[in-house]
Amino acid sequence: MRFRPGLFPTLFVLVSVPILLALGFWQLQRTQWKDVLIARIEAQLSAPPVTVASAAALPRDEFVRVRLEGRFQPDTLLWLGGRTDAGRAGWHVVAPFLLSDGGWVIVDRGWVPMAARDRRGNMPPAVAGPTEGAIEGVVRLPPEGNFFTPDNDPAGNAWYRIDPTAMAAAAGLPPGQGVADIYVAAAPIAGAAPPPAGAPIASGDRFDLPRNHFQYAMTWFGLAVTLLGVYLAYGLRRDPDPVPDDEREQP
């Protein structure tokens, strides 16, 4: 039995196996990075909220829990579409919040069912909740749009990603009013009475960051081992049995 894999299979394996192994080790590094990130987020979400009374005092670090003091602008609701809660389709209600010491923050108040919005885009006062007082939430950075995200439609009050500057303009806030370029996702206040039926379901302190990098690493390592095994099996060739002298053709 001889090992004769051929030139091109050998070159292919020499290039492919190191790449697959490198991808596997990279995913292992990503696993460590993700664990550190999740631990930091969990620590921030479990920490006491930072009281914020002005836009300038709003923390810039994402996932910091804050307590905003001020009031919502009455009769101003922006509708963030394509949102679900426990598999139910609906909206997220977004509204500008005027801080007591100056400045505005765009607040994602939470999920409501599709039927909560009437033809004029309004929501009953009992469902909209109070406009005065402090609220708690989590600082978030505005997401960037991608190929799969529809464009926002300010004229139709249909939004698909939060854009604080554009939302402030659509809400009629005069320019230069100190609108923060980050937003706050409302979260339940510990020990507070439950919101009335139909009120937005605040979920700013929920997050689900998948830990899939270890499985990805095992996949890359498995492909490297499989490719190497196929290469070895392909290269091992059995020598043909010798033909006895008495069976050879005579001239």
C-alpha atoms as a PDB file:
ATOM      1  CA  MET A   1       0.000   0.000   0.000  1.00  0.00           C
ATOM      2  CA  ARG A   2       1.360   3.351  -1.005  1.00  0.00           C
ATOM      3  CA  PHE A   3       0.402   6.942  -0.234  1.00  0.00           C
ATOM      4  CA  ARG A   4      -0.027   8.751  -3.548  1.00  0.00           C
ATOM      5  CA  PRO A   5      -2.596  11.564  -3.148  1.00  0.00           C
ATOM      6  CA  GLY A   6      -1.490  13.640  -6.108  1.00  0.00           C
ATOM      7  CA  LEU A   7      -0.243  17.207  -6.386  1.00  0.00           C
ATOM      8  CA  PHE A   8      -3.499  19.166  -6.548  1.00  0.00           C
ATOM      9  CA  PRO A   9      -5.252  17.400  -3.600  1.00  0.00           C
ATOM     10  CA  THR A  10      -2.106  17.946  -1.531  1.00  0.00           C
ATOM     11  CA  LEU A  11      -1.969  21.673  -2.355  1.00  0.00           C
ATOM     12  CA  PHE A  12      -5.677  22.019  -1.590  1.00  0.00           C
ATOM     13  CA  VAL A  13      -5.293  20.380   1.822  1.00  0.00           C
ATOM     14  CA  LEU A  14      -2.161  22.381   2.675  1.00  0.00           C
ATOM     15  CA  VAL A  15      -4.114  25.590   2.074  1.00  0.00           C
ATOM     16  CA  SER A  16      -7.532  24.598   3.428  1.00  0.00           C
ATOM     17  CA  VAL A  17      -6.679  22.858   6.706  1.00  0.00           C
ATOM     18  CA  PRO A  18      -4.713  25.804   8.205  1.00  0.00           C
ATOM     19  CA  ILE A  19      -7.538  28.168   7.227  1.00  0.00           C
ATOM     20  CA  LEU A  20     -10.149  25.945   8.883  1.00  0.00           C
ATOM     21  CA  LEU A  21      -8.032  25.617  12.037  1.00  0.00           C
ATOM     22  CA  ALA A  22      -7.476  29.380  12.155  1.00  0.00           C
ATOM     23  CA  LEU A  23     -11.223  29.972  11.908  1.00  0.00           C
ATOM     24  CA  GLY A  24     -11.795  27.534  14.755  1.00  0.00           C
ATOM     25  CA  PHE A  25      -9.277  29.227  17.062  1.00  0.00           C
ATOM     26  CA  TRP A  26     -10.730  32.622  16.141  1.00  0.00           C
ATOM     27  CA  GLN A  27     -14.167  31.457  17.232  1.00  0.00           C
ATOM     28  CA  LEU A  28     -12.702  30.232  20.532  1.00  0.00           C
ATOM     29  CA  GLN A  29     -11.329  33.735  21.101  1.00  0.00           C
ATOM     30  CA  ARG A  30     -14.757  35.129  20.268  1.00  0.00           C
ATOM     31  CA  THR A  31     -16.239  32.824  22.898  1.00  0.00           C
ATOM     32  CA  GLN A  32     -14.065  34.405  25.585  1.00  0.00           C
ATOM     33  CA  TRP A  33     -14.877  37.905  24.322  1.00  0.00           C
ATOM     34  CA  LYS A  34     -18.627  37.165  24.333  1.00  0.00           C
ATOM     35  CA  ASP A  35     -18.516  35.811  27.894  1.00  0.00           C
ATOM     36  CA  VAL A  36     -16.801  38.988  29.128  1.00  0.00           C
ATOM     37  CA  LEU A  37     -19.325  41.148  27.256  1.00  0.00           C
ATOM     38  CA  ILE A  38     -22.329  39.285  28.665  1.00  0.00           C
ATOM     39  CA  ALA A  39     -20.936  39.497  32.195  1.00  0.00           C
ATOM     40  CA  ARG A  40     -20.474  43.260  31.820  1.00  0.00           C
ATOM     41  CA  ILE A  41     -24.007  43.766  30.482  1.00  0.00           C
ATOM     42  CA  GLU A  42     -25.536  41.670  33.260  1.00  0.00           C
ATOM     43  CA  ALA A  43     -23.612  43.690  35.871  1.00  0.00           C
ATOM     44  CA  GLN A  44     -24.830  46.981  34.366  1.00  0.00           C
ATOM     45  CA  LEU A  45     -28.434  45.827  34.196  1.00  0.00           C
ATOM     46  CA  SER A  46     -28.405  44.659  37.811  1.00  0.00           C
ATOM     47  CA  ALA A  47     -26.791  47.863  39.142  1.00  0.00           C
ATOM     48  CA  PRO A  48     -28.904  50.653  40.685  1.00  0.00           C
ATOM     49  CA  PRO A  49     -30.146  53.156  38.103  1.00  0.00           C
ATOM     50  CA  VAL A  50     -28.298  56.429  37.516  1.00  0.00           C
ATOM     51  CA  THR A  51     -30.604  59.409  38.030  1.00  0.00           C
ATOM     52  CA  VAL A  52     -30.634  61.674  34.970  1.00  0.00           C
ATOM     53  CA  ALA A  53     -32.293  65.105  34.917  1.00  0.00           C
ATOM     54  CA  SER A  54     -30.613  66.619  31.837  1.00  0.00           C
ATOM     55  CA  ALA A  55     -29.570  65.384  28.428  1.00  0.00           C
ATOM     56  CA  ALA A  56     -25.947  66.286  29.152  1.00  0.00           C
ATOM     57  CA  ALA A  57     -25.937  63.933  32.152  1.00  0.00           C
ATOM     58  CA  LEU A  58     -27.127  60.914  30.173  1.00  0.00           C
ATOM     59  CA  PRO A  59     -24.444  58.160  30.314  1.00  0.00           C
ATOM     60  CA  ARG A  60     -22.885  57.262  26.991  1.00  0.00           C
ATOM     61  CA  ASP A  61     -22.205  53.632  27.879  1.00  0.00           C
ATOM     62  CA  GLU A  62     -24.764  51.240  26.429  1.00  0.00           C
ATOM     63  CA  PHE A  63     -26.848  49.056  28.783  1.00  0.00           C
ATOM     64  CA  VAL A  64     -26.458  51.395  31.758  1.00  0.00           C
ATOM     65  CA  ARG A  65     -29.700  51.502  33.735  1.00  0.00           C
ATOM     66  CA  VAL A  66     -30.985  55.065  34.221  1.00  0.00           C
ATOM     67  CA  ARG A  67     -33.850  56.846  35.963  1.00  0.00           C
ATOM     68  CA  LEU A  68     -35.160  59.769  33.924  1.00  0.00           C
ATOM     69  CA  GLU A  69     -36.851  62.658  35.711  1.00  0.00           C
ATOM     70  CA  GLY A  70     -39.265  64.771  33.700  1.00  0.00           C
ATOM     71  CA  ARG A  71     -42.305  64.171  31.538  1.00  0.00           C
ATOM     72  CA  PHE A  72     -43.372  62.906  28.145  1.00  0.00           C
ATOM     73  CA  GLN A  73     -44.539  65.358  25.542  1.00  0.00           C
ATOM     74  CA  PRO A  74     -48.347  64.983  25.472  1.00  0.00           C
ATOM     75  CA  ASP A  75     -50.071  63.597  22.392  1.00  0.00           C
ATOM     76  CA  THR A  76     -46.792  62.663  20.702  1.00  0.00           C
ATOM     77  CA  LEU A  77     -46.409  59.005  19.811  1.00  0.00           C
ATOM     78  CA  LEU A  78     -44.109  57.491  17.239  1.00  0.00           C
ATOM     79  CA  TRP A  79     -44.725  53.956  16.033  1.00  0.00           C
ATOM     80  CA  LEU A  80     -41.891  51.493  15.603  1.00  0.00           C
ATOM     81  CA  GLY A  81     -43.076  48.642  13.431  1.00  0.00           C
ATOM     82  CA  GLY A  82     -42.047  45.048  12.959  1.00  0.00           C
ATOM     83  CA  ARG A  83     -41.868  44.277  16.684  1.00  0.00           C
ATOM     84  CA  THR A  84     -43.020  41.147  18.466  1.00  0.00           C
ATOM     85  CA  ASP A  85     -43.621  40.030  22.036  1.00  0.00           C
ATOM     86  CA  ALA A  86     -43.902  36.313  22.782  1.00  0.00           C
ATOM     87  CA  GLY A  87     -44.577  35.735  19.097  1.00  0.00           C
ATOM     88  CA  ARG A  88     -47.308  38.383  18.873  1.00  0.00           C
ATOM     89  CA  ALA A  89     -46.982  41.063  16.193  1.00  0.00           C
ATOM     90  CA  GLY A  90     -47.298  44.667  17.219  1.00  0.00           C
ATOM     91  CA  TRP A  91     -45.592  48.016  17.638  1.00  0.00           C
ATOM     92  CA  HIS A  92     -43.168  49.665  19.967  1.00  0.00           C
ATOM     93  CA  VAL A  93     -44.419  53.045  21.172  1.00  0.00           C
ATOM     94  CA  VAL A  94     -41.732  55.724  21.080  1.00  0.00           C
ATOM     95  CA  ALA A  95     -42.078  59.220  22.559  1.00  0.00           C
ATOM     96  CA  PRO A  96     -39.853  62.223  23.367  1.00  0.00           C
ATOM     97  CA  PHE A  97     -39.199  62.756  27.076  1.00  0.00           C
ATOM     98  CA  LEU A  98     -38.468  66.262  28.407  1.00  0.00           C
ATOM     99  CA  LEU A  99     -35.963  66.093  31.249  1.00  0.00           C
ATOM    100  CA  SER A 100     -36.586  68.301  34.270  1.00  0.00           C
ATOM    101  CA  ASP A 101     -33.251  70.167  33.958  1.00  0.00           C
ATOM    102  CA  GLY A 102     -33.359  70.540  30.196  1.00  0.00           C
ATOM    103  CA  GLY A 103     -32.974  68.479  27.072  1.00  0.00           C
ATOM    104  CA  TRP A 104     -34.909  65.681  25.456  1.00  0.00           C
ATOM    105  CA  VAL A 105     -34.453  61.932  25.261  1.00  0.00           C
ATOM    106  CA  ILE A 106     -36.217  59.618  22.833  1.00  0.00           C
ATOM    107  CA  VAL A 107     -37.751  56.777  24.855  1.00  0.00           C
ATOM    108  CA  ASP A 108     -38.885  53.406  23.569  1.00  0.00           C
ATOM    109  CA  ARG A 109     -41.816  52.826  25.926  1.00  0.00           C
ATOM    110  CA  GLY A 110     -42.394  49.200  24.931  1.00  0.00           C
ATOM    111  CA  TRP A 111     -44.590  46.828  22.961  1.00  0.00           C
ATOM    112  CA  VAL A 112     -48.305  47.133  22.215  1.00  0.00           C
ATOM    113  CA  PRO A 113     -50.479  44.942  19.972  1.00  0.00           C
ATOM    114  CA  MET A 114     -51.337  45.987  16.442  1.00  0.00           C
ATOM    115  CA  ALA A 115     -54.882  46.969  17.455  1.00  0.00           C
ATOM    116  CA  ALA A 116     -53.585  49.577  19.940  1.00  0.00           C
ATOM    117  CA  ARG A 117     -53.069  52.048  17.112  1.00  0.00           C
ATOM    118  CA  ASP A 118     -56.184  53.527  15.562  1.00  0.00           C
ATOM    119  CA  ARG A 119     -56.490  54.966  12.080  1.00  0.00           C
ATOM    120  CA  ARG A 120     -55.049  58.321  13.184  1.00  0.00           C
ATOM    121  CA  GLY A 121     -52.125  56.687  14.904  1.00  0.00           C
ATOM    122  CA  ASN A 122     -53.336  57.584  18.390  1.00  0.00           C
ATOM    123  CA  MET A 123     -53.572  55.444  21.485  1.00  0.00           C
ATOM    124  CA  PRO A 124     -56.157  55.744  24.272  1.00  0.00           C
ATOM    125  CA  PRO A 125     -54.856  57.745  27.300  1.00  0.00           C
ATOM    126  CA  ALA A 126     -55.387  54.802  29.635  1.00  0.00           C
ATOM    127  CA  VAL A 127     -53.150  52.710  27.394  1.00  0.00           C
ATOM    128  CA  ALA A 128     -50.561  55.411  26.785  1.00  0.00           C
ATOM    129  CA  GLY A 129     -49.918  55.671  30.518  1.00  0.00           C
ATOM    130  CA  PRO A 130     -48.898  58.688  32.571  1.00  0.00           C
ATOM    131  CA  THR A 131     -46.973  61.564  31.016  1.00  0.00           C
ATOM    132  CA  GLU A 132     -45.497  62.958  34.262  1.00  0.00           C
ATOM    133  CA  GLY A 133     -42.917  61.514  36.651  1.00  0.00           C
ATOM    134  CA  ALA A 134     -39.770  59.442  36.587  1.00  0.00           C
ATOM    135  CA  ILE A 135     -39.246  56.390  34.430  1.00  0.00           C
ATOM    136  CA  GLU A 136     -36.530  53.779  34.381  1.00  0.00           C
ATOM    137  CA  GLY A 137     -34.834  52.379  31.348  1.00  0.00           C
ATOM    138  CA  VAL A 138     -31.617  51.266  29.725  1.00  0.00           C
ATOM    139  CA  VAL A 139     -29.342  53.376  27.539  1.00  0.00           C
ATOM    140  CA  ARG A 140     -29.152  52.070  23.985  1.00  0.00           C
ATOM    141  CA  LEU A 141     -27.288  53.153  20.870  1.00  0.00           C
ATOM    142  CA  PRO A 142     -29.416  53.730  17.751  1.00  0.00           C
ATOM    143  CA  PRO A 143     -29.127  50.745  15.406  1.00  0.00           C
ATOM    144  CA  GLU A 144     -27.742  51.210  11.936  1.00  0.00           C
ATOM    145  CA  GLY A 145     -29.940  50.330   8.994  1.00  0.00           C
ATOM    146  CA  ASN A 146     -29.105  47.459   6.706  1.00  0.00           C
ATOM    147  CA  PHE A 147     -30.321  45.954   3.449  1.00  0.00           C
ATOM    148  CA  PHE A 148     -33.218  44.181   5.183  1.00  0.00           C
ATOM    149  CA  THR A 149     -34.452  47.199   7.176  1.00  0.00           C
ATOM    150  CA  PRO A 150     -37.144  49.274   5.420  1.00  0.00           C
ATOM    151  CA  ASP A 151     -36.659  53.009   5.296  1.00  0.00           C
ATOM    152  CA  ASN A 152     -38.357  55.060   7.980  1.00  0.00           C
ATOM    153  CA  ASP A 153     -41.516  56.876   6.877  1.00  0.00           C
ATOM    154  CA  PRO A 154     -41.807  59.999   9.043  1.00  0.00           C
ATOM    155  CA  ALA A 155     -44.763  61.320   7.025  1.00  0.00           C
ATOM    156  CA  GLY A 156     -46.745  58.151   7.701  1.00  0.00           C
ATOM    157  CA  ASN A 157     -45.436  57.824  11.263  1.00  0.00           C
ATOM    158  CA  ALA A 158     -44.055  54.372  10.474  1.00  0.00           C
ATOM    159  CA  TRP A 159     -40.571  53.729  11.795  1.00  0.00           C
ATOM    160  CA  TYR A 160     -38.423  50.631  11.472  1.00  0.00           C
ATOM    161  CA  ARG A 161     -35.367  51.735  13.420  1.00  0.00           C
ATOM    162  CA  ILE A 162     -34.895  54.402  16.066  1.00  0.00           C
ATOM    163  CA  ASP A 163     -33.321  57.602  14.775  1.00  0.00           C
ATOM    164  CA  PRO A 164     -33.362  60.202  17.579  1.00  0.00           C
ATOM    165  CA  THR A 165     -32.673  63.196  15.335  1.00  0.00           C
ATOM    166  CA  ALA A 166     -35.320  62.322  12.740  1.00  0.00           C
ATOM    167  CA  MET A 167     -37.840  61.339  15.421  1.00  0.00           C
ATOM    168  CA  ALA A 168     -37.319  64.618  17.268  1.00  0.00           C
ATOM    169  CA  ALA A 169     -37.988  66.522  14.054  1.00  0.00           C
ATOM    170  CA  ALA A 170     -41.099  64.448  13.333  1.00  0.00           C
ATOM    171  CA  ALA A 171     -42.335  65.100  16.875  1.00  0.00           C
ATOM    172  CA  GLY A 172     -42.112  68.835  16.242  1.00  0.00           C
ATOM    173  CA  LEU A 173     -39.234  69.575  18.581  1.00  0.00           C
ATOM    174  CA  PRO A 174     -37.462  72.778  17.553  1.00  0.00           C
ATOM    175  CA  PRO A 175     -33.870  72.262  16.420  1.00  0.00           C
ATOM    176  CA  GLY A 176     -31.234  72.982  19.024  1.00  0.00           C
ATOM    177  CA  GLN A 177     -33.337  71.745  21.943  1.00  0.00           C
ATOM    178  CA  GLY A 178     -30.630  69.399  23.209  1.00  0.00           C
ATOM    179  CA  VAL A 179     -32.013  66.100  21.950  1.00  0.00           C
ATOM    180  CA  ALA A 180     -29.715  63.239  22.948  1.00  0.00           C
ATOM    181  CA  ASP A 181     -28.315  61.255  20.024  1.00  0.00           C
ATOM    182  CA  ILE A 182     -28.845  58.018  21.969  1.00  0.00           C
ATOM    183  CA  TYR A 183     -32.112  56.675  23.308  1.00  0.00           C
ATOM    184  CA  VAL A 184     -33.513  54.915  26.351  1.00  0.00           C
ATOM    185  CA  ALA A 185     -35.489  51.668  26.269  1.00  0.00           C
ATOM    186  CA  ALA A 186     -37.982  51.724  29.141  1.00  0.00           C
ATOM    187  CA  ALA A 187     -37.774  48.973  31.738  1.00  0.00           C
ATOM    188  CA  PRO A 188     -40.060  47.984  34.623  1.00  0.00           C
ATOM    189  CA  ILE A 189     -39.428  49.788  37.913  1.00  0.00           C
ATOM    190  CA  ALA A 190     -38.699  47.356  40.719  1.00  0.00           C
ATOM    191  CA  GLY A 191     -41.496  47.327  43.296  1.00  0.00           C
ATOM    192  CA  ALA A 192     -43.780  49.553  41.251  1.00  0.00           C
ATOM    193  CA  ALA A 193     -47.426  48.713  40.673  1.00  0.00           C
ATOM    194  CA  PRO A 194     -48.046  46.798  37.455  1.00  0.00           C
ATOM    195  CA  PRO A 195     -49.046  48.956  34.475  1.00  0.00           C
ATOM    196  CA  PRO A 196     -52.699  49.080  33.447  1.00  0.00           C
ATOM    197  CA  ALA A 197     -53.996  46.506  31.011  1.00  0.00           C
ATOM    198  CA  GLY A 198     -52.964  47.351  27.485  1.00  0.00           C
ATOM    199  CA  ALA A 199     -50.135  49.707  28.497  1.00  0.00           C
ATOM    200  CA  PRO A 200     -46.847  49.325  26.635  1.00  0.00           C
ATOM    201  CA  ILE A 201     -44.841  46.340  27.840  1.00  0.00           C
ATOM    202  CA  ALA A 202     -41.459  47.757  28.808  1.00  0.00           C
ATOM    203  CA  SER A 203     -38.650  45.340  28.067  1.00  0.00           C
ATOM    204  CA  GLY A 204     -35.525  47.463  27.889  1.00  0.00           C
ATOM    205  CA  ASP A 205     -33.728  45.319  30.455  1.00  0.00           C
ATOM    206  CA  ARG A 206     -34.272  42.126  28.465  1.00  0.00           C
ATOM    207  CA  PHE A 207     -31.505  41.005  26.199  1.00  0.00           C
ATOM    208  CA  ASP A 208     -30.578  37.768  24.511  1.00  0.00           C
ATOM    209  CA  LEU A 209     -26.995  37.563  23.312  1.00  0.00           C
ATOM    210  CA  PRO A 210     -26.478  34.074  21.862  1.00  0.00           C
ATOM    211  CA  ARG A 211     -23.393  32.089  22.828  1.00  0.00           C
ATOM    212  CA  ASN A 212     -22.813  30.217  19.567  1.00  0.00           C
ATOM    213  CA  HIS A 213     -19.103  30.777  19.016  1.00  0.00           C
ATOM    214  CA  PHE A 214     -18.013  27.519  20.689  1.00  0.00           C
ATOM    215  CA  GLN A 215     -20.299  25.515  18.409  1.00  0.00           C
ATOM    216  CA  TYR A 216     -18.909  27.419  15.420  1.00  0.00           C
ATOM    217  CA  ALA A 217     -15.363  26.582  16.543  1.00  0.00           C
ATOM    218  CA  MET A 218     -16.186  22.869  16.770  1.00  0.00           C
ATOM    219  CA  THR A 219     -17.693  23.042  13.296  1.00  0.00           C
ATOM    220  CA  TRP A 220     -14.499  24.488  11.787  1.00  0.00           C
ATOM    221  CA  PHE A 221     -12.321  21.968  13.629  1.00  0.00           C
ATOM    222  CA  GLY A 222     -14.610  19.144  12.497  1.00  0.00           C
ATOM    223  CA  LEU A 223     -14.345  20.259   8.866  1.00  0.00           C
ATOM    224  CA  ALA A 224     -10.543  20.332   9.138  1.00  0.00           C
ATOM    225  CA  VAL A 225     -10.430  16.795  10.562  1.00  0.00           C
ATOM    226  CA  THR A 226     -12.909  15.523   7.955  1.00  0.00           C
ATOM    227  CA  LEU A 227     -10.956  17.051   5.082  1.00  0.00           C
ATOM    228  CA  LEU A 228      -7.735  15.559   6.386  1.00  0.00           C
ATOM    229  CA  GLY A 229      -9.364  12.142   6.753  1.00  0.00           C
ATOM    230  CA  VAL A 230     -10.712  12.223   3.192  1.00  0.00           C
ATOM    231  CA  TYR A 231      -7.288  13.278   1.930  1.00  0.00           C
ATOM    232  CA  LEU A 232      -5.573  10.379   3.688  1.00  0.00           C
ATOM    233  CA  ALA A 233      -8.161   7.845   2.517  1.00  0.00           C
ATOM    234  CA  TYR A 234      -7.881   9.141  -1.037  1.00  0.00           C
ATOM    235  CA  GLY A 235      -4.078   8.992  -1.018  1.00  0.00           C
ATOM    236  CA  LEU A 236      -3.724   5.481   0.334  1.00  0.00           C
ATOM    237  CA  ARG A 237      -3.811   3.181  -2.654  1.00  0.00           C
ATOM    238  CA  ARG A 238      -3.343  -0.583  -2.646  1.00  0.00           C
ATOM    239  CA  ASP A 239      -0.705  -1.924  -4.972  1.00  0.00           C
ATOM    240  CA  PRO A 240      -2.125  -4.304  -7.580  1.00  0.00           C
ATOM    241  CA  ASP A 241      -1.515  -8.005  -6.914  1.00  0.00           C
ATOM    242  CA  PRO A 242       1.411  -9.359  -8.966  1.00  0.00           C
ATOM    243  CA  VAL A 243       0.431 -11.594 -11.850  1.00  0.00           C
ATOM    244  CA  PRO A 244       1.867 -15.150 -11.564  1.00  0.00           C
ATOM    245  CA  ASP A 245       4.390 -16.099 -14.230  1.00  0.00           C
ATOM    246  CA  ASP A 246       2.242 -18.951 -15.477  1.00  0.00           C
ATOM    247  CA  GLU A 247      -0.685 -16.556 -16.079  1.00  0.00           C
ATOM    248  CA  ARG A 248       1.274 -14.036 -18.078  1.00  0.00           C
ATOM    249  CA  GLU A 249       0.520 -13.940 -21.764  1.00  0.00           C
ATOM    250  CA  GLN A 250       3.049 -15.724 -23.877  1.00  0.00           C
ATOM    251  CA  PRO A 251       4.237 -14.045 -27.061  1.00  0.00           C
END
